[in-house]
Protein backbone atom coordinates (compact mmCIF):
# COMPACT_ATOMS: atom_id res chain seq x y z
CA MET A 1 -16.78 -2.25 -22.20
CA TRP A 2 -15.48 -2.65 -18.45
CA TYR A 3 -13.03 -0.69 -16.55
CA LEU A 4 -10.17 -2.41 -13.86
CA ASP A 5 -10.57 -0.67 -10.60
CA SER A 6 -8.53 -1.38 -7.57
CA GLY A 7 -10.98 0.34 -5.13
CA CYS A 8 -13.91 -1.12 -5.63
CA SER A 9 -14.57 -4.58 -3.68
CA LYS A 10 -17.50 -6.17 -6.05
CA HIS A 11 -17.80 -6.23 -9.68
CA MET A 12 -20.35 -3.36 -10.63
CA THR A 13 -22.38 -2.39 -13.32
CA GLY A 14 -24.92 0.64 -14.12
CA GLN A 15 -27.13 -1.15 -16.77
CA LYS A 16 -29.48 -3.32 -15.25
CA ASP A 17 -29.90 -4.85 -18.81
CA LEU A 18 -26.81 -6.55 -18.73
CA LEU A 19 -27.68 -8.81 -15.89
CA SER A 20 -29.22 -11.93 -16.42
CA ILE A 21 -30.62 -14.26 -13.04
CA TYR A 22 -31.33 -10.67 -11.54
CA THR A 23 -32.11 -10.87 -7.80
CA GLU A 24 -33.50 -7.69 -6.26
CA LYS A 25 -31.95 -6.83 -2.89
CA PHE A 26 -30.52 -4.10 -1.32
CA CYS A 27 -26.92 -4.85 -0.47
CA GLY A 28 -25.68 -1.67 1.13
CA ASN A 29 -24.55 1.91 -0.55
CA VAL A 30 -21.59 3.03 -2.36
CA ARG A 31 -19.63 5.82 -2.38
CA PHE A 32 -18.35 7.94 -5.53
CA GLY A 33 -15.21 10.20 -5.47
CA ASN A 34 -17.42 13.30 -5.34
CA ASP A 35 -18.53 12.04 -1.82
CA GLN A 36 -22.17 11.23 -3.26
CA PHE A 37 -23.86 7.70 -2.29
CA SER A 38 -25.45 5.31 -4.27
CA PRO A 39 -27.58 2.28 -3.53
CA ILE A 40 -26.87 -1.50 -4.80
CA LEU A 41 -29.96 -2.78 -5.55
CA GLY A 42 -29.66 -5.91 -6.39
CA TYR A 43 -27.02 -8.58 -8.55
CA GLY A 44 -26.96 -10.88 -11.02
CA ASP A 45 -24.98 -12.81 -13.45
CA VAL A 46 -23.35 -11.04 -16.66
CA ILE A 47 -23.56 -13.67 -19.65
CA GLN A 48 -21.81 -12.51 -22.81
CA ASP A 49 -20.91 -15.22 -25.55
CA ASN A 50 -18.78 -17.73 -23.46
CA VAL A 51 -17.94 -15.52 -20.46
CA THR A 52 -19.76 -16.01 -17.36
CA ILE A 53 -19.67 -13.12 -14.26
CA THR A 54 -21.56 -14.11 -11.78
CA LYS A 55 -22.77 -11.92 -8.61
CA VAL A 56 -22.12 -8.47 -10.49
CA SER A 57 -23.93 -5.71 -8.14
CA TYR A 58 -26.29 -3.09 -9.72
CA VAL A 59 -25.43 0.14 -8.86
CA GLU A 60 -28.11 3.08 -9.60
CA GLY A 61 -26.38 5.81 -11.58
CA LEU A 62 -22.91 3.88 -11.89
CA GLY A 63 -21.78 5.38 -15.49
CA HIS A 64 -18.88 2.65 -15.85
CA ASN A 65 -18.86 -1.13 -15.88
CA LEU A 66 -16.18 -1.74 -13.26
CA PHE A 67 -14.21 -5.56 -12.55
CA SER A 68 -12.67 -5.40 -8.85
CA ILE A 69 -8.92 -6.36 -9.17
CA GLY A 70 -9.26 -7.59 -5.47
CA GLN A 71 -12.26 -9.75 -6.20
CA PHE A 72 -10.25 -11.30 -9.00
CA CYS A 73 -7.42 -12.19 -6.29
CA ASP A 74 -9.41 -13.45 -3.88
CA LYS A 75 -10.21 -16.07 -6.78
CA TYR A 76 -6.65 -16.90 -6.90
CA LEU A 77 -6.17 -15.38 -10.52
CA GLU A 78 -3.43 -12.66 -10.84
CA VAL A 79 -3.63 -9.35 -12.53
CA HIS A 80 -1.13 -8.20 -14.70
CA PHE A 81 -0.45 -4.38 -15.83
CA LYS A 82 1.93 -3.80 -18.42
CA ALA A 83 2.59 -0.04 -20.43
CA LYS A 84 -0.28 -0.85 -23.18
CA ARG A 85 -2.12 -3.88 -21.89
CA CYS A 86 -3.50 -5.64 -18.90
CA SER A 87 -4.46 -10.04 -18.46
CA VAL A 88 -6.59 -11.83 -16.25
CA CYS A 89 -4.45 -14.83 -15.55
CA THR A 90 -4.26 -18.30 -13.72
CA LYS A 91 -2.24 -19.10 -12.04
CA ASP A 92 -0.45 -21.53 -14.49
CA GLY A 93 -0.06 -18.58 -16.68
CA LYS A 94 -3.25 -19.05 -18.94
CA GLU A 95 -4.92 -15.80 -19.78
CA LEU A 96 -8.71 -15.20 -19.45
CA LEU A 97 -8.90 -11.78 -20.07
CA VAL A 98 -7.03 -9.36 -21.99
CA GLY A 99 -7.59 -5.46 -22.07
CA THR A 100 -5.91 -2.57 -23.29
CA ARG A 101 -4.47 0.91 -22.15
CA LYS A 102 -6.75 4.11 -23.36
CA SER A 103 -5.06 7.44 -21.50
CA ASN A 104 -5.32 6.42 -17.56
CA LEU A 105 -7.53 3.61 -17.96
CA TYR A 106 -7.37 -0.18 -18.48
CA THR A 107 -10.41 -1.36 -20.45
CA ILE A 108 -11.55 -5.32 -21.42
CA ASN A 109 -14.00 -5.55 -24.23
CA LEU A 110 -15.80 -8.82 -23.34
CA SER A 111 -17.06 -9.14 -27.27
CA LYS A 112 -13.33 -9.68 -27.90
CA VAL A 113 -12.15 -12.49 -25.82
CA GLN A 114 -11.68 -15.51 -27.49
CA THR A 115 -14.21 -18.22 -27.88
CA ASP A 116 -11.90 -21.16 -27.23
CA ASN A 117 -11.22 -19.62 -23.50
CA GLN A 118 -14.17 -20.69 -21.51
CA VAL A 119 -13.91 -18.06 -18.67
CA CYS A 120 -16.24 -18.39 -15.63
CA LEU A 121 -15.77 -15.76 -12.64
CA LEU A 122 -17.22 -17.34 -9.81
CA SER A 123 -18.16 -15.48 -6.35
CA LYS A 124 -17.18 -17.17 -3.10
CA ALA A 125 -19.92 -19.00 -1.90
CA SER A 126 -20.75 -18.10 1.86
CA LEU A 127 -19.01 -20.09 4.74
CA GLN A 128 -22.82 -21.71 5.37
CA GLN A 129 -23.43 -22.74 1.52
CA SER A 130 -19.75 -24.19 0.91
CA TRP A 131 -20.27 -26.17 4.44
CA LEU A 132 -24.07 -27.37 3.29
CA TRP A 133 -23.28 -28.53 0.22
CA TYR A 134 -19.84 -30.44 1.43
CA GLN A 135 -22.24 -32.44 3.78
CA ARG A 136 -24.79 -32.79 1.30
CA LEU A 137 -22.17 -34.41 -1.23
CA SER A 138 -21.07 -37.24 1.88
CA HIS A 139 -17.49 -35.10 2.57
CA LEU A 140 -16.64 -34.74 -0.96
CA ILE A 141 -13.42 -32.41 -1.11
CA PHE A 142 -13.98 -29.06 -2.30
CA HIS A 143 -11.74 -29.76 -5.37
CA TYR A 144 -14.09 -31.70 -6.72
CA ILE A 145 -16.95 -29.73 -5.75
CA ASN A 146 -15.09 -26.53 -7.44
CA LYS A 147 -14.39 -29.04 -10.65
CA MET A 148 -18.21 -29.74 -10.91
CA VAL A 149 -19.14 -26.03 -11.12
CA THR A 150 -16.65 -24.76 -13.49
CA GLY A 151 -16.68 -27.94 -15.54
CA LYS A 152 -20.80 -27.78 -15.89
CA LEU A 153 -20.47 -31.40 -14.74
CA VAL A 154 -24.20 -31.38 -12.63
CA LYS A 155 -27.34 -29.39 -12.33
CA GLY A 156 -28.57 -28.06 -9.47
CA LEU A 157 -25.59 -26.67 -7.80
CA PRO A 158 -25.19 -23.09 -7.60
CA GLU A 159 -22.31 -21.83 -9.74
CA LEU A 160 -20.17 -20.45 -6.64
CA LYS A 161 -16.50 -20.94 -5.70
CA TYR A 162 -16.43 -23.47 -2.34
CA GLU A 163 -13.84 -22.97 0.26
CA LYS A 164 -12.88 -24.53 3.18
CA LYS A 165 -12.13 -22.43 5.87
CA HIS A 166 -11.30 -24.87 8.82
CA LEU A 167 -10.95 -28.19 9.46
CA CYS A 168 -14.03 -30.45 9.34
CA ALA A 169 -13.84 -32.82 12.78
CA ALA A 170 -15.70 -35.67 11.20
CA CYS A 171 -13.18 -35.87 8.74
CA GLU A 172 -10.37 -35.84 10.62
CA LYS A 173 -12.12 -38.45 12.67
CA GLY A 174 -12.55 -40.67 9.69
CA LYS A 175 -10.11 -40.18 7.10
CA MET A 176 -7.04 -39.46 9.27
CA LYS A 177 -3.96 -40.77 7.42
CA ARG A 178 -0.22 -40.87 8.19
CA ALA A 179 1.65 -37.91 7.48
CA THR A 180 3.74 -38.47 4.24
CA HIS A 181 7.75 -39.08 4.39
CA LYS A 182 9.20 -37.78 1.03
CA PRO A 183 12.78 -38.29 0.22
CA LYS A 184 15.38 -35.73 1.04
CA PRO A 185 16.45 -33.44 -1.78
CA GLU A 186 20.01 -33.79 -0.30
CA HIS A 187 22.14 -36.46 0.97
CA SER A 188 22.78 -36.25 4.81
CA THR A 189 26.31 -37.14 5.05
CA SER A 190 29.37 -36.76 3.28
CA SER A 191 32.10 -39.82 4.77
CA PRO A 192 31.08 -43.09 6.09
CA LEU A 193 30.30 -43.65 9.61
CA GLU A 194 29.14 -39.93 10.36
CA LEU A 195 26.01 -41.50 10.47
CA LEU A 196 24.91 -45.12 11.34
CA HIS A 197 21.05 -46.12 11.86
CA MET A 198 20.22 -48.99 14.46
CA ASP A 199 17.39 -51.25 14.59
CA LEU A 200 16.65 -54.66 16.44
CA CYS A 201 14.61 -57.44 14.99
CA GLY A 202 13.27 -59.82 16.86
CA PRO A 203 12.51 -61.94 18.87
CA MET A 204 12.18 -64.93 16.62
CA ARG A 205 9.68 -67.72 17.10
CA THR A 206 12.84 -70.39 16.57
CA GLN A 207 15.97 -69.70 18.40
CA SER A 208 19.23 -69.95 15.92
CA ILE A 209 21.27 -73.16 16.00
CA ASN A 210 23.46 -70.89 18.53
CA GLY A 211 20.47 -70.00 20.95
CA LYS A 212 20.04 -66.36 19.46
CA ARG A 213 16.72 -64.87 18.67
CA TYR A 214 17.61 -61.28 17.84
CA VAL A 215 19.32 -59.58 15.02
CA LEU A 216 20.96 -56.08 15.48
CA VAL A 217 21.19 -54.25 12.10
CA ILE A 218 23.42 -51.20 11.44
CA VAL A 219 23.58 -49.75 8.22
CA ASP A 220 26.22 -46.88 7.08
CA ASP A 221 23.89 -43.86 5.86
CA TYR A 222 26.85 -42.77 3.25
CA SER A 223 27.85 -46.47 1.55
CA ARG A 224 24.80 -48.48 2.98
CA TYR A 225 27.19 -50.88 4.17
CA THR A 226 25.46 -53.36 6.72
CA TRP A 227 26.35 -54.99 9.83
CA VAL A 228 24.53 -57.86 11.92
CA LYS A 229 24.94 -58.67 15.12
CA PHE A 230 22.82 -61.63 16.84
CA LEU A 231 21.76 -61.67 20.57
CA ARG A 232 19.91 -63.98 22.75
CA SER A 233 17.95 -61.21 24.79
CA LYS A 234 17.23 -57.58 24.27
CA ASP A 235 19.50 -57.02 27.51
CA GLU A 236 22.23 -57.51 25.69
CA THR A 237 21.91 -54.77 22.83
CA PRO A 238 23.71 -52.14 25.17
CA GLU A 239 26.80 -54.21 25.41
CA VAL A 240 26.94 -55.37 21.45
CA ILE A 241 26.33 -51.77 20.37
CA ILE A 242 29.64 -50.39 22.80
CA SER A 243 31.78 -53.39 21.64
CA PHE A 244 30.66 -52.77 17.80
CA LEU A 245 31.15 -48.91 17.96
CA ARG A 246 34.82 -49.35 19.49
CA THR A 247 35.85 -51.84 17.36
CA THR A 248 34.39 -50.43 13.90
CA GLN A 249 35.96 -46.95 14.74
CA VAL A 250 39.65 -48.22 15.19
CA ASN A 251 39.17 -50.61 12.25
CA LEU A 252 38.19 -48.34 9.87
CA GLN A 253 39.94 -45.09 11.63
CA LYS A 254 37.31 -42.88 11.43
CA PRO A 255 34.74 -41.26 14.15
CA VAL A 256 30.99 -42.04 14.42
CA LYS A 257 29.26 -38.72 14.56
CA LEU A 258 25.62 -39.60 14.91
CA LEU A 259 23.84 -42.62 15.56
CA ARG A 260 19.99 -42.95 14.79
CA THR A 261 17.45 -45.26 16.40
CA ASP A 262 14.30 -45.51 17.61
CA ASN A 263 12.61 -44.93 20.91
CA ASP A 264 12.62 -48.14 22.30
CA THR A 265 14.24 -48.75 26.08
CA LYS A 266 16.96 -51.03 24.43
CA PHE A 267 18.25 -48.11 22.94
CA LYS A 268 17.35 -45.31 25.41
CA ASN A 269 19.04 -46.48 28.40
CA LYS A 270 21.59 -45.16 31.00
CA THR A 271 24.58 -47.55 29.57
CA VAL A 272 24.16 -46.36 25.80
CA GLU A 273 23.69 -42.57 26.93
CA ASP A 274 26.62 -42.95 29.35
CA TYR A 275 29.02 -44.03 26.45
CA LEU A 276 27.65 -42.04 23.85
CA GLU A 277 28.28 -38.85 25.75
CA SER A 278 31.94 -39.83 26.88
CA VAL A 279 32.83 -40.24 22.86
CA ARG A 280 30.99 -37.50 21.79
CA ILE A 281 28.41 -39.02 19.53
CA THR A 282 25.14 -37.79 19.39
CA HIS A 283 22.16 -39.87 19.40
CA GLN A 284 18.92 -39.20 17.75
CA PHE A 285 15.86 -40.86 17.96
CA SER A 286 12.84 -41.55 15.67
CA THR A 287 9.10 -40.14 16.95
CA ALA A 288 7.39 -43.29 19.03
CA ARG A 289 5.59 -45.36 16.56
CA THR A 290 6.80 -43.65 13.63
CA PRO A 291 9.21 -46.41 11.80
CA GLU A 292 9.38 -43.99 8.70
CA GLN A 293 11.74 -41.76 10.29
CA ASN A 294 14.31 -44.67 10.37
CA GLY A 295 13.24 -46.07 7.02
CA VAL A 296 16.87 -46.91 5.81
CA VAL A 297 17.35 -49.45 8.59
CA GLU A 298 13.74 -50.62 8.72
CA ARG A 299 13.82 -51.07 4.58
CA ARG A 300 16.91 -53.33 4.98
CA ASN A 301 15.56 -55.25 8.00
CA ARG A 302 12.98 -56.37 5.39
CA THR A 303 15.10 -57.09 2.82
CA LEU A 304 17.47 -59.30 4.86
CA VAL A 305 14.59 -61.18 6.29
CA GLU A 306 13.04 -61.81 2.86
CA ALA A 307 16.52 -62.69 1.15
CA ALA A 308 16.93 -65.18 4.01
CA ARG A 309 13.30 -66.75 3.83
CA THR A 310 13.72 -67.08 0.18
CA MET A 311 17.26 -68.92 0.57
CA LEU A 312 15.71 -71.09 3.30
CA SER A 313 12.95 -71.99 0.98
CA GLN A 314 14.58 -72.93 -1.66
CA SER A 315 17.54 -75.15 0.07
CA ASP A 316 14.80 -76.33 2.24
CA LEU A 317 17.16 -76.05 5.13
CA PRO A 318 15.19 -76.12 8.75
CA LEU A 319 14.61 -72.96 10.14
CA PHE A 320 16.93 -72.62 13.19
CA LEU A 321 19.73 -72.19 10.20
CA TRP A 322 17.83 -68.62 9.87
CA ALA A 323 20.65 -66.34 11.62
CA GLU A 324 23.39 -68.09 9.11
CA ALA A 325 20.53 -67.07 6.15
CA VAL A 326 20.69 -63.69 7.31
CA SER A 327 24.11 -63.11 7.69
CA THR A 328 25.22 -64.86 4.46
CA ALA A 329 22.64 -62.56 2.84
CA CYS A 330 24.06 -59.31 4.52
CA TYR A 331 27.36 -60.81 3.45
CA THR A 332 26.60 -60.96 -0.15
CA HIS A 333 24.45 -58.08 -0.39
CA ASN A 334 27.23 -55.39 0.98
CA GLN A 335 29.35 -56.99 -1.92
CA SER A 336 26.78 -56.81 -4.85
CA ILE A 337 23.96 -54.18 -4.29
CA ILE A 338 24.71 -50.84 -6.08
CA HIS A 339 24.63 -47.69 -4.79
CA HIS A 340 22.45 -45.30 -6.67
CA ARG A 341 24.18 -42.25 -5.63
CA PHE A 342 27.89 -43.48 -6.21
CA SER A 343 27.06 -46.26 -8.72
CA LYS A 344 29.46 -48.40 -6.41
CA THR A 345 28.97 -51.22 -3.87
CA PRO A 346 28.60 -50.55 -0.13
CA TYR A 347 32.07 -52.68 0.12
CA ALA A 348 34.05 -50.55 -2.25
CA LEU A 349 32.48 -47.65 -0.79
CA ILE A 350 33.74 -48.10 2.88
CA ASN A 351 36.89 -49.88 1.98
CA ASN A 352 38.21 -48.10 -0.95
CA ARG A 353 38.82 -51.16 -3.25
CA THR A 354 36.57 -53.11 -5.15
CA PRO A 355 35.44 -56.69 -3.88
CA ARG A 356 36.17 -59.99 -5.21
CA ILE A 357 33.60 -62.75 -5.57
CA LYS A 358 34.26 -65.69 -6.71
CA HIS A 359 34.47 -67.29 -3.76
CA PHE A 360 30.79 -66.83 -3.28
CA HIS A 361 28.85 -70.34 -3.36
CA VAL A 362 24.85 -71.58 -3.28
CA PHE A 363 23.40 -71.44 0.17
CA GLY A 364 22.38 -74.80 1.26
CA CYS A 365 24.31 -76.05 -1.28
CA ARG A 366 26.23 -80.04 -0.40
CA CYS A 367 29.70 -79.78 0.32
CA PHE A 368 32.66 -81.99 1.76
CA VAL A 369 34.68 -80.60 4.31
CA LEU A 370 38.19 -82.43 5.23
CA ASN A 371 38.36 -84.15 8.90
CA ASP A 372 41.26 -83.02 10.20
CA ARG A 373 39.85 -82.42 13.60
CA GLU A 374 39.77 -86.48 14.37
CA ASN A 375 42.16 -89.89 14.16
CA LEU A 376 41.30 -91.72 11.22
CA ASN A 377 41.98 -94.94 10.59
CA LYS A 378 43.69 -95.91 7.34
CA PHE A 379 40.29 -96.77 5.67
CA GLY A 380 38.12 -94.28 6.92
CA PRO A 381 36.84 -91.55 5.06
CA LYS A 382 38.91 -88.05 4.91
CA ALA A 383 35.75 -85.92 4.05
CA ASP A 384 32.95 -85.14 5.82
CA GLU A 385 29.35 -84.50 3.74
CA GLY A 386 27.68 -81.19 5.42
CA ILE A 387 25.84 -78.00 3.93
CA PHE A 388 27.33 -74.73 3.31
CA ILE A 389 25.67 -72.47 5.51
CA GLY A 390 27.58 -69.06 4.83
CA TYR A 391 30.79 -67.16 5.37
CA SER A 392 33.23 -66.86 8.52
CA GLN A 393 32.97 -63.15 9.98
CA THR A 394 36.37 -63.59 11.98
CA SER A 395 38.60 -65.53 9.40
CA VAL A 396 38.78 -66.51 5.38
CA ALA A 397 36.87 -69.79 5.78
CA TYR A 398 33.57 -71.38 4.97
CA ARG A 399 30.92 -72.26 7.67
CA VAL A 400 29.29 -75.95 7.00
CA TYR A 401 26.57 -77.44 8.87
CA LEU A 402 27.90 -81.14 9.56
CA LYS A 403 25.25 -83.64 8.92
CA LYS A 404 26.80 -86.54 11.33
CA SER A 405 27.29 -84.33 14.19
CA LYS A 406 24.70 -81.61 13.65
CA THR A 407 27.48 -78.96 14.51
CA VAL A 408 28.57 -75.91 12.49
CA ILE A 409 32.46 -75.76 11.59
CA GLU A 410 34.77 -73.62 10.02
CA SER A 411 36.82 -74.47 7.14
CA VAL A 412 38.75 -73.37 4.21
CA ASN A 413 39.46 -77.23 2.80
CA VAL A 414 35.70 -77.24 1.43
CA THR A 415 34.97 -78.64 -2.12
CA PHE A 416 31.15 -77.91 -3.18
CA ASP A 417 28.44 -79.70 -5.34
CA GLU A 418 26.32 -76.59 -6.18
CA GLU A 419 24.83 -78.60 -8.91
CA VAL A 420 22.37 -80.39 -6.44
CA ALA A 421 21.38 -77.24 -5.40
CA SER A 422 20.08 -76.58 -8.71
CA GLU A 423 17.97 -79.67 -8.85
CA GLN A 424 15.94 -78.94 -5.97
CA SER A 425 13.99 -76.22 -7.40
CA SER A 426 12.15 -79.06 -9.39
CA SER A 427 12.80 -82.05 -7.17
CA GLU A 428 12.19 -83.06 -3.93
CA PRO A 429 15.08 -82.08 -1.67
CA VAL A 430 17.54 -84.47 -1.18
CA LEU A 431 18.62 -83.17 2.52
CA THR A 432 15.16 -83.24 3.48
CA GLY A 433 15.52 -86.76 5.50
CA VAL A 434 18.76 -86.34 6.92
CA LEU A 435 17.67 -82.91 8.61
CA ALA A 436 14.46 -84.18 9.65
CA SER A 437 16.20 -85.11 12.90
CA GLY A 438 18.00 -82.48 13.54
């Protein structure tokens, strides 16, 4: 019979015959309640059926077998006391040992422990032992070392509980990884324009047909509505940001409260900061070399670039039309991507109306645009053949690349031949030879 004691710091017994693998060693003295002392002459393991209690001290003259409550707690176990019973449990609530109360003593009978509960109450290994086996096992994490002990998966490893008291400098140098960035449990914003994410993508190796090499991507945190602005150089960034903020706040009749960007000088400069301070917009920066903190716009950047690359590849158009492809992808995604929080499109969330997409056409398909720009003779063709490359951002019109003049025009008088685009995926592109010279 074993008793629970909150005063002793070790499991102790006065019956030497209970101990197996006994080690004779003087480990100090124990003071009893009558102020008498008794020596700890050694220690061993108590093994009874499926219960193993390691490093139990042998105290000469001790009349009871004592479990240390403190030692249970040091092993990350929980000890529960009720009116007529007590229990020793794991963190997940599994009962390892159960005892009963007799008068004012709680006792545990090891012979009554259920045979399907495999219990191994391990003593803590010393710091030197822990790090010795840690290095012997090639810096294996302590969780797996303890798992090998409790599951008896290997032989020769002392049955102790191994703990990591401090960092291993070698592991930090050899195994260091980036910090995880878990998604927020709650949404940061409750209305459009409350928070805007910005990032500048570029420079592109091929400049666009209008001489642009950078694209500024702006994402509204609440609706995920996206804007794209194309720049010739990074120096234009402050001017474009200020112009965008002024125009957007007027168009949507809502104030911008917070701006989040990376730490690059294109965003962190006196021109931008002076303007934001004058209109009382807070500017937040992500930590250097930590793009995950500005992940909303970084992910949208990747989505737009991948969509544009796919559209150019499918239509077999030249790379100088990359800006048109990015703009078209942004335009269609705003009206088609479903926001998982609201089950609505970004366009519906920011404009409070359902988008219409009947006018959508296949990017890169052949089209014909009315020629109302030149004086034609009586029998001249009334339409020019072109390639559909997107939608106008300033008016209700389509953008068409004219093959004859190699220019881009905007017009509503356009007819489309989308069947050609569908055939291009399985046969040689019809437009390849025409655009090669462009």
